[in-house]
C-alpha atoms as a PDB file:
ATOM      1  CA  MET A   1       1.656 -78.367  13.675  1.00  0.00           C
ATOM      2  CA  LYS A   2       4.796 -76.236  13.802  1.00  0.00           C
ATOM      3  CA  VAL A   3       4.787 -72.841  15.523  1.00  0.00           C
ATOM      4  CA  VAL A   4       7.689 -70.373  15.698  1.00  0.00           C
ATOM      5  CA  THR A   5       7.878 -67.418  18.095  1.00  0.00           C
ATOM      6  CA  PHE A   6      10.476 -64.634  18.275  1.00  0.00           C
ATOM      7  CA  GLY A   7      11.375 -62.287  21.125  1.00  0.00           C
ATOM      8  CA  GLU A   8      13.280 -61.835  24.372  1.00  0.00           C
ATOM      9  CA  ILE A   9      13.402 -64.188  27.328  1.00  0.00           C
ATOM     10  CA  MET A  10      14.596 -62.871  30.684  1.00  0.00           C
ATOM     11  CA  LEU A  11      15.654 -64.088  34.074  1.00  0.00           C
ATOM     12  CA  ARG A  12      12.802 -63.458  36.520  1.00  0.00           C
ATOM     13  CA  LEU A  13      13.639 -62.764  40.177  1.00  0.00           C
ATOM     14  CA  SER A  14      10.780 -62.577  42.655  1.00  0.00           C
ATOM     15  CA  PRO A  15      10.664 -62.340  46.477  1.00  0.00           C
ATOM     16  CA  PRO A  16       8.867 -65.403  47.876  1.00  0.00           C
ATOM     17  CA  ASP A  17       5.665 -65.401  49.942  1.00  0.00           C
ATOM     18  CA  HIS A  18       4.330 -62.069  48.627  1.00  0.00           C
ATOM     19  CA  ARG A  19       7.201 -60.171  50.244  1.00  0.00           C
ATOM     20  CA  ARG A  20       8.061 -56.670  49.109  1.00  0.00           C
ATOM     21  CA  PHE A  21      11.358 -55.902  47.388  1.00  0.00           C
ATOM     22  CA  VAL A  22      12.651 -54.100  50.487  1.00  0.00           C
ATOM     23  CA  GLN A  23      11.973 -57.208  52.599  1.00  0.00           C
ATOM     24  CA  ALA A  24      13.647 -59.683  50.276  1.00  0.00           C
ATOM     25  CA  GLN A  25      16.634 -61.663  51.512  1.00  0.00           C
ATOM     26  CA  ARG A  26      16.375 -64.141  48.640  1.00  0.00           C
ATOM     27  CA  PHE A  27      14.640 -64.350  45.271  1.00  0.00           C
ATOM     28  CA  ASP A  28      12.957 -67.189  43.440  1.00  0.00           C
ATOM     29  CA  ALA A  29      14.557 -67.493  40.008  1.00  0.00           C
ATOM     30  CA  THR A  30      12.869 -68.613  36.818  1.00  0.00           C
ATOM     31  CA  TYR A  31      12.740 -67.480  33.189  1.00  0.00           C
ATOM     32  CA  GLY A  32      10.050 -65.896  31.067  1.00  0.00           C
ATOM     33  CA  GLY A  33       9.091 -63.522  28.309  1.00  0.00           C
ATOM     34  CA  GLY A  34       6.032 -63.023  26.144  1.00  0.00           C
ATOM     35  CA  GLU A  35       6.964 -65.069  23.092  1.00  0.00           C
ATOM     36  CA  ALA A  36       8.812 -67.767  25.056  1.00  0.00           C
ATOM     37  CA  ASN A  37       5.737 -68.166  27.256  1.00  0.00           C
ATOM     38  CA  VAL A  38       3.613 -68.772  24.152  1.00  0.00           C
ATOM     39  CA  ALA A  39       6.116 -71.322  22.865  1.00  0.00           C
ATOM     40  CA  ALA A  40       5.952 -73.157  26.208  1.00  0.00           C
ATOM     41  CA  SER A  41       2.165 -73.387  26.064  1.00  0.00           C
ATOM     42  CA  LEU A  42       2.198 -74.785  22.545  1.00  0.00           C
ATOM     43  CA  ALA A  43       4.919 -77.323  23.315  1.00  0.00           C
ATOM     44  CA  ASN A  44       2.815 -78.431  26.270  1.00  0.00           C
ATOM     45  CA  TYR A  45      -0.161 -79.038  23.957  1.00  0.00           C
ATOM     46  CA  GLY A  46       1.958 -81.232  21.691  1.00  0.00           C
ATOM     47  CA  ALA A  47       2.860 -78.724  18.976  1.00  0.00           C
ATOM     48  CA  ASP A  48       6.286 -78.627  17.337  1.00  0.00           C
ATOM     49  CA  SER A  49       7.215 -75.363  19.059  1.00  0.00           C
ATOM     50  CA  TYR A  50      10.319 -73.223  18.384  1.00  0.00           C
ATOM     51  CA  PHE A  51      11.567 -70.048  20.030  1.00  0.00           C
ATOM     52  CA  ILE A  52      13.970 -67.648  18.292  1.00  0.00           C
ATOM     53  CA  SER A  53      16.091 -65.233  20.315  1.00  0.00           C
ATOM     54  CA  LYS A  54      19.690 -64.533  21.309  1.00  0.00           C
ATOM     55  CA  LEU A  55      21.263 -65.672  24.579  1.00  0.00           C
ATOM     56  CA  PRO A  56      24.708 -64.873  25.990  1.00  0.00           C
ATOM     57  CA  ASP A  57      27.260 -67.617  25.561  1.00  0.00           C
ATOM     58  CA  HIS A  58      27.925 -68.169  29.256  1.00  0.00           C
ATOM     59  CA  GLU A  59      26.459 -70.198  32.103  1.00  0.00           C
ATOM     60  CA  ILE A  60      23.387 -67.991  32.688  1.00  0.00           C
ATOM     61  CA  GLY A  61      22.537 -68.093  28.996  1.00  0.00           C
ATOM     62  CA  GLN A  62      22.982 -71.862  29.036  1.00  0.00           C
ATOM     63  CA  ALA A  63      20.745 -72.215  32.097  1.00  0.00           C
ATOM     64  CA  CYS A  64      18.035 -70.312  30.236  1.00  0.00           C
ATOM     65  CA  LEU A  65      18.487 -72.522  27.168  1.00  0.00           C
ATOM     66  CA  ASN A  66      18.214 -75.606  29.374  1.00  0.00           C
ATOM     67  CA  GLN A  67      14.950 -74.306  30.830  1.00  0.00           C
ATOM     68  CA  LEU A  68      13.451 -73.905  27.362  1.00  0.00           C
ATOM     69  CA  ARG A  69      14.513 -77.404  26.385  1.00  0.00           C
ATOM     70  CA  ARG A  70      13.133 -78.802  29.635  1.00  0.00           C
ATOM     71  CA  TYR A  71       9.645 -77.843  28.522  1.00  0.00           C
ATOM     72  CA  GLY A  72       9.983 -79.176  24.996  1.00  0.00           C
ATOM     73  CA  ILE A  73      10.708 -75.906  23.185  1.00  0.00           C
ATOM     74  CA  GLY A  74      12.908 -76.115  20.109  1.00  0.00           C
ATOM     75  CA  THR A  75      16.064 -74.000  20.428  1.00  0.00           C
ATOM     76  CA  ASP A  76      17.709 -74.756  17.071  1.00  0.00           C
ATOM     77  CA  PHE A  77      17.445 -71.144  15.869  1.00  0.00           C
ATOM     78  CA  ILE A  78      18.591 -69.357  19.024  1.00  0.00           C
ATOM     79  CA  ALA A  79      21.766 -67.339  18.412  1.00  0.00           C
ATOM     80  CA  ARG A  80      24.467 -67.128  21.077  1.00  0.00           C
ATOM     81  CA  GLY A  81      26.399 -63.994  21.966  1.00  0.00           C
ATOM     82  CA  GLY A  82      26.093 -60.660  23.694  1.00  0.00           C
ATOM     83  CA  ASN A  83      27.100 -59.856  27.249  1.00  0.00           C
ATOM     84  CA  ARG A  84      24.020 -60.397  29.378  1.00  0.00           C
ATOM     85  CA  LEU A  85      20.574 -61.853  29.799  1.00  0.00           C
ATOM     86  CA  GLY A  86      17.843 -59.332  30.572  1.00  0.00           C
ATOM     87  CA  VAL A  87      16.417 -59.457  34.101  1.00  0.00           C
ATOM     88  CA  TYR A  88      13.070 -58.472  35.521  1.00  0.00           C
ATOM     89  CA  PHE A  89      12.161 -58.270  39.182  1.00  0.00           C
ATOM     90  CA  LEU A  90       8.573 -59.113  40.118  1.00  0.00           C
ATOM     91  CA  GLU A  91       6.944 -58.168  43.413  1.00  0.00           C
ATOM     92  CA  ILE A  92       3.732 -60.202  43.575  1.00  0.00           C
ATOM     93  CA  GLY A  93       0.892 -58.176  45.072  1.00  0.00           C
ATOM     94  CA  ALA A  94      -2.038 -59.288  47.179  1.00  0.00           C
ATOM     95  CA  SER A  95      -5.507 -57.942  47.904  1.00  0.00           C
ATOM     96  CA  GLN A  96      -5.437 -54.162  47.306  1.00  0.00           C
ATOM     97  CA  ARG A  97      -1.637 -54.033  46.844  1.00  0.00           C
ATOM     98  CA  GLY A  98      -0.821 -54.432  43.173  1.00  0.00           C
ATOM     99  CA  SER A  99       2.131 -56.304  41.734  1.00  0.00           C
ATOM    100  CA  LYS A 100       5.195 -54.361  40.591  1.00  0.00           C
ATOM    101  CA  VAL A 101       7.792 -54.996  37.886  1.00  0.00           C
ATOM    102  CA  VAL A 102      11.280 -53.500  37.696  1.00  0.00           C
ATOM    103  CA  TYR A 103      13.218 -54.108  34.457  1.00  0.00           C
ATOM    104  CA  ASP A 104      16.970 -54.530  34.163  1.00  0.00           C
ATOM    105  CA  ARG A 105      17.162 -55.390  30.467  1.00  0.00           C
ATOM    106  CA  SER A 106      19.118 -52.565  28.830  1.00  0.00           C
ATOM    107  CA  GLY A 107      21.911 -53.904  26.633  1.00  0.00           C
ATOM    108  CA  SER A 108      20.701 -57.509  26.789  1.00  0.00           C
ATOM    109  CA  ALA A 109      21.802 -60.006  24.151  1.00  0.00           C
ATOM    110  CA  VAL A 110      18.602 -59.882  22.093  1.00  0.00           C
ATOM    111  CA  ASN A 111      19.161 -56.174  21.457  1.00  0.00           C
ATOM    112  CA  THR A 112      22.227 -57.098  19.393  1.00  0.00           C
ATOM    113  CA  LEU A 113      20.472 -59.787  17.300  1.00  0.00           C
ATOM    114  CA  THR A 114      20.776 -58.874  13.621  1.00  0.00           C
ATOM    115  CA  PRO A 115      18.830 -60.479  10.731  1.00  0.00           C
ATOM    116  CA  ASP A 116      21.888 -62.333   9.408  1.00  0.00           C
ATOM    117  CA  GLU A 117      22.321 -64.240  12.701  1.00  0.00           C
ATOM    118  CA  VAL A 118      19.109 -66.245  12.229  1.00  0.00           C
ATOM    119  CA  ASN A 119      18.197 -68.409   9.258  1.00  0.00           C
ATOM    120  CA  PHE A 120      14.551 -67.303   9.169  1.00  0.00           C
ATOM    121  CA  ASP A 121      14.077 -69.033   5.824  1.00  0.00           C
ATOM    122  CA  ALA A 122      14.934 -72.395   7.376  1.00  0.00           C
ATOM    123  CA  ALA A 123      13.001 -71.683  10.567  1.00  0.00           C
ATOM    124  CA  LEU A 124       9.794 -70.759   8.746  1.00  0.00           C
ATOM    125  CA  ALA A 125       9.966 -72.873   5.586  1.00  0.00           C
ATOM    126  CA  ASP A 126       7.736 -75.625   7.002  1.00  0.00           C
ATOM    127  CA  ALA A 127       6.017 -73.645   9.769  1.00  0.00           C
ATOM    128  CA  ASP A 128       2.273 -73.233  10.149  1.00  0.00           C
ATOM    129  CA  TRP A 129       2.337 -70.209  12.442  1.00  0.00           C
ATOM    130  CA  PHE A 130       4.623 -67.329  13.474  1.00  0.00           C
ATOM    131  CA  HIS A 131       3.949 -65.289  16.635  1.00  0.00           C
ATOM    132  CA  TRP A 132       5.476 -62.050  17.915  1.00  0.00           C
ATOM    133  CA  THR A 133       4.503 -59.326  20.385  1.00  0.00           C
ATOM    134  CA  GLY A 134       4.777 -55.553  20.582  1.00  0.00           C
ATOM    135  CA  ILE A 135       7.521 -55.955  23.171  1.00  0.00           C
ATOM    136  CA  THR A 136      10.096 -56.904  20.520  1.00  0.00           C
ATOM    137  CA  PRO A 137       9.968 -53.721  18.396  1.00  0.00           C
ATOM    138  CA  ALA A 138       9.844 -51.694  21.627  1.00  0.00           C
ATOM    139  CA  LEU A 139      13.353 -52.923  22.480  1.00  0.00           C
ATOM    140  CA  GLY A 140      15.018 -50.809  19.799  1.00  0.00           C
ATOM    141  CA  GLN A 141      15.916 -50.356  16.147  1.00  0.00           C
ATOM    142  CA  THR A 142      17.978 -53.543  15.753  1.00  0.00           C
ATOM    143  CA  PRO A 143      15.225 -55.866  17.102  1.00  0.00           C
ATOM    144  CA  ARG A 144      12.774 -54.015  14.826  1.00  0.00           C
ATOM    145  CA  GLU A 145      14.894 -54.746  11.755  1.00  0.00           C
ATOM    146  CA  THR A 146      15.266 -58.395  12.745  1.00  0.00           C
ATOM    147  CA  LEU A 147      11.514 -58.678  13.304  1.00  0.00           C
ATOM    148  CA  ARG A 148      10.855 -57.284   9.809  1.00  0.00           C
ATOM    149  CA  ALA A 149      13.150 -59.947   8.347  1.00  0.00           C
ATOM    150  CA  ALA A 150      11.204 -62.621  10.215  1.00  0.00           C
ATOM    151  CA  LEU A 151       7.871 -61.232   8.992  1.00  0.00           C
ATOM    152  CA  ASP A 152       9.110 -61.122   5.409  1.00  0.00           C
ATOM    153  CA  ALA A 153      10.173 -64.772   5.619  1.00  0.00           C
ATOM    154  CA  ALA A 154       6.854 -65.761   7.186  1.00  0.00           C
ATOM    155  CA  LYS A 155       4.881 -64.123   4.399  1.00  0.00           C
ATOM    156  CA  GLU A 156       7.142 -65.605   1.726  1.00  0.00           C
ATOM    157  CA  HIS A 157       6.355 -69.080   3.059  1.00  0.00           C
ATOM    158  CA  GLY A 158       2.628 -68.450   3.546  1.00  0.00           C
ATOM    159  CA  VAL A 159       2.814 -68.740   7.334  1.00  0.00           C
ATOM    160  CA  THR A 160      -0.070 -67.402   9.436  1.00  0.00           C
ATOM    161  CA  VAL A 161       1.180 -64.487  11.559  1.00  0.00           C
ATOM    162  CA  SER A 162      -0.210 -63.454  14.945  1.00  0.00           C
ATOM    163  CA  CYS A 163       0.698 -60.448  17.064  1.00  0.00           C
ATOM    164  CA  ASP A 164      -0.079 -59.735  20.697  1.00  0.00           C
ATOM    165  CA  LEU A 165       0.113 -55.926  20.821  1.00  0.00           C
ATOM    166  CA  ASN A 166       1.478 -56.024  24.398  1.00  0.00           C
ATOM    167  CA  TYR A 167       2.184 -52.325  25.030  1.00  0.00           C
ATOM    168  CA  ARG A 168       4.867 -51.675  27.666  1.00  0.00           C
ATOM    169  CA  GLY A 169       5.003 -48.054  28.835  1.00  0.00           C
ATOM    170  CA  LYS A 170       8.418 -48.591  30.461  1.00  0.00           C
ATOM    171  CA  LEU A 171       9.910 -49.396  27.047  1.00  0.00           C
ATOM    172  CA  TRP A 172       8.467 -46.685  24.775  1.00  0.00           C
ATOM    173  CA  SER A 173       5.909 -43.917  24.494  1.00  0.00           C
ATOM    174  CA  VAL A 174       2.441 -44.133  22.967  1.00  0.00           C
ATOM    175  CA  GLU A 175       3.614 -42.029  20.023  1.00  0.00           C
ATOM    176  CA  GLU A 176       6.616 -44.288  19.374  1.00  0.00           C
ATOM    177  CA  ALA A 177       4.454 -47.396  19.655  1.00  0.00           C
ATOM    178  CA  ARG A 178       1.859 -46.184  17.158  1.00  0.00           C
ATOM    179  CA  GLU A 179       4.485 -45.039  14.670  1.00  0.00           C
ATOM    180  CA  ALA A 180       6.191 -48.451  14.715  1.00  0.00           C
ATOM    181  CA  MET A 181       3.239 -50.796  15.217  1.00  0.00           C
ATOM    182  CA  ARG A 182       0.643 -49.517  12.767  1.00  0.00           C
ATOM    183  CA  PRO A 183       2.762 -50.251   9.634  1.00  0.00           C
ATOM    184  CA  LEU A 184       3.640 -53.731  10.955  1.00  0.00           C
ATOM    185  CA  MET A 185      -0.053 -54.657  11.080  1.00  0.00           C
ATOM    186  CA  LYS A 186      -0.005 -55.087   7.290  1.00  0.00           C
ATOM    187  CA  GLN A 187       1.760 -58.419   7.858  1.00  0.00           C
ATOM    188  CA  VAL A 188      -0.493 -59.669  10.676  1.00  0.00           C
ATOM    189  CA  ASP A 189      -3.368 -62.127  10.209  1.00  0.00           C
ATOM    190  CA  VAL A 190      -4.429 -62.560  13.852  1.00  0.00           C
ATOM    191  CA  CYS A 191      -4.359 -59.604  16.253  1.00  0.00           C
ATOM    192  CA  ILE A 192      -4.544 -60.204  20.013  1.00  0.00           C
ATOM    193  CA  ALA A 193      -4.975 -57.317  22.430  1.00  0.00           C
ATOM    194  CA  ASN A 194      -6.552 -55.890  25.523  1.00  0.00           C
ATOM    195  CA  GLU A 195      -8.255 -52.504  25.638  1.00  0.00           C
ATOM    196  CA  GLU A 196      -5.116 -50.592  26.650  1.00  0.00           C
ATOM    197  CA  ASP A 197      -2.951 -52.236  23.985  1.00  0.00           C
ATOM    198  CA  ALA A 198      -5.351 -51.416  21.164  1.00  0.00           C
ATOM    199  CA  ASP A 199      -5.526 -47.784  22.223  1.00  0.00           C
ATOM    200  CA  ARG A 200      -1.837 -47.192  22.906  1.00  0.00           C
ATOM    201  CA  CYS A 201      -0.428 -49.179  19.986  1.00  0.00           C
ATOM    202  CA  LEU A 202      -3.047 -48.537  17.307  1.00  0.00           C
ATOM    203  CA  GLY A 203      -5.130 -45.586  18.547  1.00  0.00           C
ATOM    204  CA  LEU A 204      -8.451 -47.447  18.874  1.00  0.00           C
ATOM    205  CA  ALA A 205     -10.248 -47.347  22.237  1.00  0.00           C
ATOM    206  CA  ALA A 206     -12.863 -49.750  23.684  1.00  0.00           C
ATOM    207  CA  GLY A 207     -16.014 -47.830  24.577  1.00  0.00           C
ATOM    208  CA  THR A 208     -16.433 -46.751  28.192  1.00  0.00           C
ATOM    209  CA  THR A 209     -14.580 -49.610  29.888  1.00  0.00           C
ATOM    210  CA  ASP A 210     -12.820 -48.608  33.128  1.00  0.00           C
ATOM    211  CA  VAL A 211      -9.862 -50.925  33.705  1.00  0.00           C
ATOM    212  CA  GLU A 212      -9.353 -49.565  37.226  1.00  0.00           C
ATOM    213  CA  THR A 213     -12.823 -50.608  38.439  1.00  0.00           C
ATOM    214  CA  GLY A 214     -13.110 -53.780  36.376  1.00  0.00           C
ATOM    215  CA  GLU A 215     -16.363 -52.652  34.770  1.00  0.00           C
ATOM    216  CA  LEU A 216     -16.554 -53.952  31.212  1.00  0.00           C
ATOM    217  CA  ASP A 217     -18.434 -52.348  28.359  1.00  0.00           C
ATOM    218  CA  ILE A 218     -18.943 -55.521  26.306  1.00  0.00           C
ATOM    219  CA  GLU A 219     -20.597 -53.672  23.432  1.00  0.00           C
ATOM    220  CA  GLY A 220     -17.565 -51.381  23.346  1.00  0.00           C
ATOM    221  CA  TYR A 221     -15.236 -54.380  23.066  1.00  0.00           C
ATOM    222  CA  GLU A 222     -17.354 -55.901  20.308  1.00  0.00           C
ATOM    223  CA  ASP A 223     -17.241 -52.609  18.430  1.00  0.00           C
ATOM    224  CA  LEU A 224     -13.463 -52.431  18.958  1.00  0.00           C
ATOM    225  CA  ALA A 225     -13.042 -55.910  17.474  1.00  0.00           C
ATOM    226  CA  ARG A 226     -15.050 -54.915  14.403  1.00  0.00           C
ATOM    227  CA  ARG A 227     -13.084 -51.681  13.931  1.00  0.00           C
ATOM    228  CA  LEU A 228      -9.744 -53.483  14.254  1.00  0.00           C
ATOM    229  CA  ARG A 229     -10.764 -55.996  11.587  1.00  0.00           C
ATOM    230  CA  ASP A 230     -12.138 -53.319   9.287  1.00  0.00           C
ATOM    231  CA  GLU A 231      -9.195 -50.919   9.566  1.00  0.00           C
ATOM    232  CA  PHE A 232      -6.333 -53.401   9.407  1.00  0.00           C
ATOM    233  CA  ASN A 233      -7.953 -56.236   7.466  1.00  0.00           C
ATOM    234  CA  PHE A 234      -7.138 -58.840  10.124  1.00  0.00           C
ATOM    235  CA  GLU A 235      -8.561 -62.296   9.585  1.00  0.00           C
ATOM    236  CA  THR A 236      -9.168 -62.665  13.322  1.00  0.00           C
ATOM    237  CA  VAL A 237      -9.210 -60.317  16.307  1.00  0.00           C
ATOM    238  CA  ALA A 238      -9.126 -61.637  19.881  1.00  0.00           C
ATOM    239  CA  ILE A 239      -9.415 -59.467  22.987  1.00  0.00           C
ATOM    240  CA  THR A 240      -8.741 -60.482  26.587  1.00  0.00           C
ATOM    241  CA  LEU A 241     -11.257 -59.183  29.115  1.00  0.00           C
ATOM    242  CA  ARG A 242      -9.830 -58.778  32.611  1.00  0.00           C
ATOM    243  CA  GLU A 243     -11.915 -57.489  35.521  1.00  0.00           C
ATOM    244  CA  SER A 244      -9.436 -56.409  38.187  1.00  0.00           C
ATOM    245  CA  PHE A 245     -11.319 -56.449  41.480  1.00  0.00           C
ATOM    246  CA  SER A 246      -8.055 -56.688  43.409  1.00  0.00           C
ATOM    247  CA  ALA A 247      -4.556 -58.111  43.043  1.00  0.00           C
ATOM    248  CA  SER A 248      -5.941 -61.406  44.356  1.00  0.00           C
ATOM    249  CA  VAL A 249      -9.256 -61.805  42.512  1.00  0.00           C
ATOM    250  CA  ASN A 250      -9.859 -61.153  38.821  1.00  0.00           C
ATOM    251  CA  GLY A 251     -12.632 -61.895  36.397  1.00  0.00           C
ATOM    252  CA  TRP A 252     -11.353 -63.333  33.114  1.00  0.00           C
ATOM    253  CA  SER A 253     -12.784 -64.076  29.682  1.00  0.00           C
ATOM    254  CA  GLY A 254     -12.013 -63.536  26.019  1.00  0.00           C
ATOM    255  CA  LEU A 255     -13.736 -62.242  22.916  1.00  0.00           C
ATOM    256  CA  ILE A 256     -13.135 -63.251  19.293  1.00  0.00           C
ATOM    257  CA  HIS A 257     -14.184 -61.819  15.957  1.00  0.00           C
ATOM    258  CA  ASN A 258     -13.334 -64.147  13.081  1.00  0.00           C
ATOM    259  CA  GLY A 259     -14.057 -63.530   9.415  1.00  0.00           C
ATOM    260  CA  THR A 260     -14.137 -67.194   8.459  1.00  0.00           C
ATOM    261  CA  ASP A 261     -16.905 -68.672  10.583  1.00  0.00           C
ATOM    262  CA  ALA A 262     -18.494 -65.862  12.598  1.00  0.00           C
ATOM    263  CA  THR A 263     -20.241 -62.699  11.540  1.00  0.00           C
ATOM    264  CA  GLU A 264     -20.427 -61.228  15.055  1.00  0.00           C
ATOM    265  CA  PRO A 265     -17.946 -61.180  17.962  1.00  0.00           C
ATOM    266  CA  TYR A 266     -18.287 -64.052  20.436  1.00  0.00           C
ATOM    267  CA  ARG A 267     -17.450 -63.908  24.162  1.00  0.00           C
ATOM    268  CA  SER A 268     -16.090 -66.951  25.957  1.00  0.00           C
ATOM    269  CA  SER A 269     -17.145 -68.320  29.322  1.00  0.00           C
ATOM    270  CA  ARG A 270     -16.162 -66.083  32.222  1.00  0.00           C
ATOM    271  CA  TYR A 271     -13.936 -67.259  35.071  1.00  0.00           C
ATOM    272  CA  GLU A 272     -13.420 -65.711  38.493  1.00  0.00           C
ATOM    273  CA  ILE A 273      -9.824 -66.471  39.472  1.00  0.00           C
ATOM    274  CA  ASP A 274      -8.135 -66.449  42.872  1.00  0.00           C
ATOM    275  CA  LEU A 275      -4.781 -65.419  41.472  1.00  0.00           C
ATOM    276  CA  VAL A 276      -1.550 -67.222  42.221  1.00  0.00           C
ATOM    277  CA  ASP A 277       0.512 -65.534  39.485  1.00  0.00           C
ATOM    278  CA  ARG A 278      -1.106 -63.394  36.793  1.00  0.00           C
ATOM    279  CA  VAL A 279       2.133 -62.718  34.884  1.00  0.00           C
ATOM    280  CA  GLY A 280       1.950 -64.608  31.601  1.00  0.00           C
ATOM    281  CA  GLY A 281      -1.843 -64.673  31.668  1.00  0.00           C
ATOM    282  CA  GLY A 282      -2.146 -62.923  28.334  1.00  0.00           C
ATOM    283  CA  ASP A 283       0.604 -65.080  26.820  1.00  0.00           C
ATOM    284  CA  SER A 284      -1.191 -68.262  27.872  1.00  0.00           C
ATOM    285  CA  PHE A 285      -4.332 -66.885  26.214  1.00  0.00           C
ATOM    286  CA  CYS A 286      -2.291 -66.388  23.021  1.00  0.00           C
ATOM    287  CA  GLY A 287      -0.887 -69.915  23.188  1.00  0.00           C
ATOM    288  CA  GLY A 288      -4.339 -71.368  23.749  1.00  0.00           C
ATOM    289  CA  LEU A 289      -5.830 -69.293  20.954  1.00  0.00           C
ATOM    290  CA  ILE A 290      -3.150 -70.288  18.437  1.00  0.00           C
ATOM    291  CA  TYR A 291      -3.618 -73.949  19.303  1.00  0.00           C
ATOM    292  CA  GLY A 292      -7.398 -73.585  19.194  1.00  0.00           C
ATOM    293  CA  LEU A 293      -7.455 -71.859  15.811  1.00  0.00           C
ATOM    294  CA  MET A 294      -5.345 -74.664  14.344  1.00  0.00           C
ATOM    295  CA  ALA A 295      -6.890 -77.656  16.132  1.00  0.00           C
ATOM    296  CA  LYS A 296     -10.512 -76.767  16.873  1.00  0.00           C
ATOM    297  CA  GLU A 297     -13.434 -76.677  14.457  1.00  0.00           C
ATOM    298  CA  SER A 298     -14.595 -73.122  15.158  1.00  0.00           C
ATOM    299  CA  ALA A 299     -13.414 -69.760  16.429  1.00  0.00           C
ATOM    300  CA  GLN A 300     -15.791 -70.115  19.367  1.00  0.00           C
ATOM    301  CA  GLU A 301     -14.125 -73.354  20.443  1.00  0.00           C
ATOM    302  CA  ALA A 302     -10.733 -71.698  19.995  1.00  0.00           C
ATOM    303  CA  VAL A 303     -11.504 -68.772  22.309  1.00  0.00           C
ATOM    304  CA  GLU A 304     -13.080 -71.100  24.893  1.00  0.00           C
ATOM    305  CA  PHE A 305      -9.861 -73.118  24.905  1.00  0.00           C
ATOM    306  CA  ALA A 306      -7.788 -69.920  25.162  1.00  0.00           C
ATOM    307  CA  ALA A 307      -9.782 -68.509  28.083  1.00  0.00           C
ATOM    308  CA  ALA A 308      -9.689 -71.801  29.988  1.00  0.00           C
ATOM    309  CA  ALA A 309      -5.941 -72.190  29.362  1.00  0.00           C
ATOM    310  CA  SER A 310      -5.253 -68.711  30.668  1.00  0.00           C
ATOM    311  CA  CYS A 311      -7.476 -69.223  33.699  1.00  0.00           C
ATOM    312  CA  LEU A 312      -5.444 -72.286  34.669  1.00  0.00           C
ATOM    313  CA  LYS A 313      -2.111 -70.566  34.049  1.00  0.00           C
ATOM    314  CA  GLN A 314      -2.952 -67.813  36.530  1.00  0.00           C
ATOM    315  CA  THR A 315      -3.109 -70.492  39.252  1.00  0.00           C
ATOM    316  CA  ILE A 316       0.480 -71.630  38.474  1.00  0.00           C
ATOM    317  CA  PRO A 317       3.641 -69.835  39.714  1.00  0.00           C
ATOM    318  CA  GLY A 318       6.067 -68.668  37.041  1.00  0.00           C
ATOM    319  CA  ASP A 319       5.637 -67.323  33.511  1.00  0.00           C
ATOM    320  CA  PHE A 320       4.992 -70.627  31.714  1.00  0.00           C
ATOM    321  CA  ASN A 321       1.592 -72.303  31.490  1.00  0.00           C
ATOM    322  CA  LEU A 322       2.080 -75.895  32.601  1.00  0.00           C
ATOM    323  CA  ALA A 323      -1.558 -76.983  32.305  1.00  0.00           C
ATOM    324  CA  SER A 324      -2.013 -79.915  29.948  1.00  0.00           C
ATOM    325  CA  ARG A 325      -4.273 -79.934  26.910  1.00  0.00           C
ATOM    326  CA  GLU A 326      -6.563 -82.391  28.700  1.00  0.00           C
ATOM    327  CA  GLU A 327      -6.849 -80.122  31.756  1.00  0.00           C
ATOM    328  CA  VAL A 328      -7.659 -77.131  29.569  1.00  0.00           C
ATOM    329  CA  GLU A 329     -10.291 -79.019  27.597  1.00  0.00           C
ATOM    330  CA  SER A 330     -11.867 -80.299  30.801  1.00  0.00           C
ATOM    331  CA  LEU A 331     -12.222 -76.774  32.177  1.00  0.00           C
ATOM    332  CA  ALA A 332     -13.481 -75.427  28.840  1.00  0.00           C
ATOM    333  CA  GLU A 333     -16.172 -78.101  28.909  1.00  0.00           C
ATOM    334  CA  GLY A 334     -17.352 -76.931  32.327  1.00  0.00           C
ATOM    335  CA  SER A 335     -15.379 -78.932  34.898  1.00  0.00           C
ATOM    336  CA  GLY A 336     -14.019 -76.198  37.174  1.00  0.00           C
ATOM    337  CA  SER A 337     -14.734 -77.472  40.671  1.00  0.00           C
ATOM    338  CA  GLY A 338     -11.059 -77.906  41.592  1.00  0.00           C
ATOM    339  CA  ARG A 339     -11.709 -81.310  43.134  1.00  0.00           C
ATOM    340  CA  VAL A 340      -8.748 -83.556  43.928  1.00  0.00           C
ATOM    341  CA  GLU A 341      -8.038 -86.034  41.132  1.00  0.00           C
ATOM    342  CA  ARG A 342      -7.394 -89.536  42.475  1.00  0.00           C
END
């Protein structure tokens, strides 16, 4: 299976040991970004996984490229140029102190990526799947135009298209998001969201769920999945269900509504996670779901794989999910004791 993703990857700088920004005397450095995180998951499961973006043609850009290659991600269609790699600073919270993100991504290389710099026809000609997130069109008009070119090529070649709505309030307003995102849904087969994303990007809310207390209205989510499918004619809708009890402990599960083999939404197993790093949790769900929908026999198996994959990722530092396919399948089948393997 060949999967192509398109978006921005950034340098991530984080104070170690749960320190606050004002305490930091050094930062742990890694790389991450929504679509690159998905590509990493799929490469880890054995897929032929490619990431499309633009990186500056200097040592920091090369270090980022090396990191992608280290984890088996194809970089053949990454353009080089621009002045800088975007940066985000992450302060990892604990207990009742939430995590914080500060972006330094204005003017990054991907913002200058034009459609003629990527051979989308070649990238997608033999692909099975194309994935993007709502972060890419939020970056500006030029990334939006390049995304449209990618979507046109994907549809021309009959490639399944998935979108993680991924609303980012620091990048654009609700009004801007809805104006840009709703028309793009015409070219999406699989929509992935949480309750806030669906509301802020598409104007559809999930019942009486309170994300601050972690109390889930499951019937509201099921109704949301049905309304998303009905209004936008998606083949599949998947929703992540996070119960945020604190910055250290979350409940986690997923819900899927698939027109091919299920008439009603199905909720996965639920996991209670002692968080190590929740950043990239939704991306690892996307990667697991894409793999599951291509490799598993049913939508239910796909969402079980996705939920288990994302549970494991949130125990791993960094943006990328480094859990193997075998580890994910073992957890999805009920082996979650955390015993030492000898």
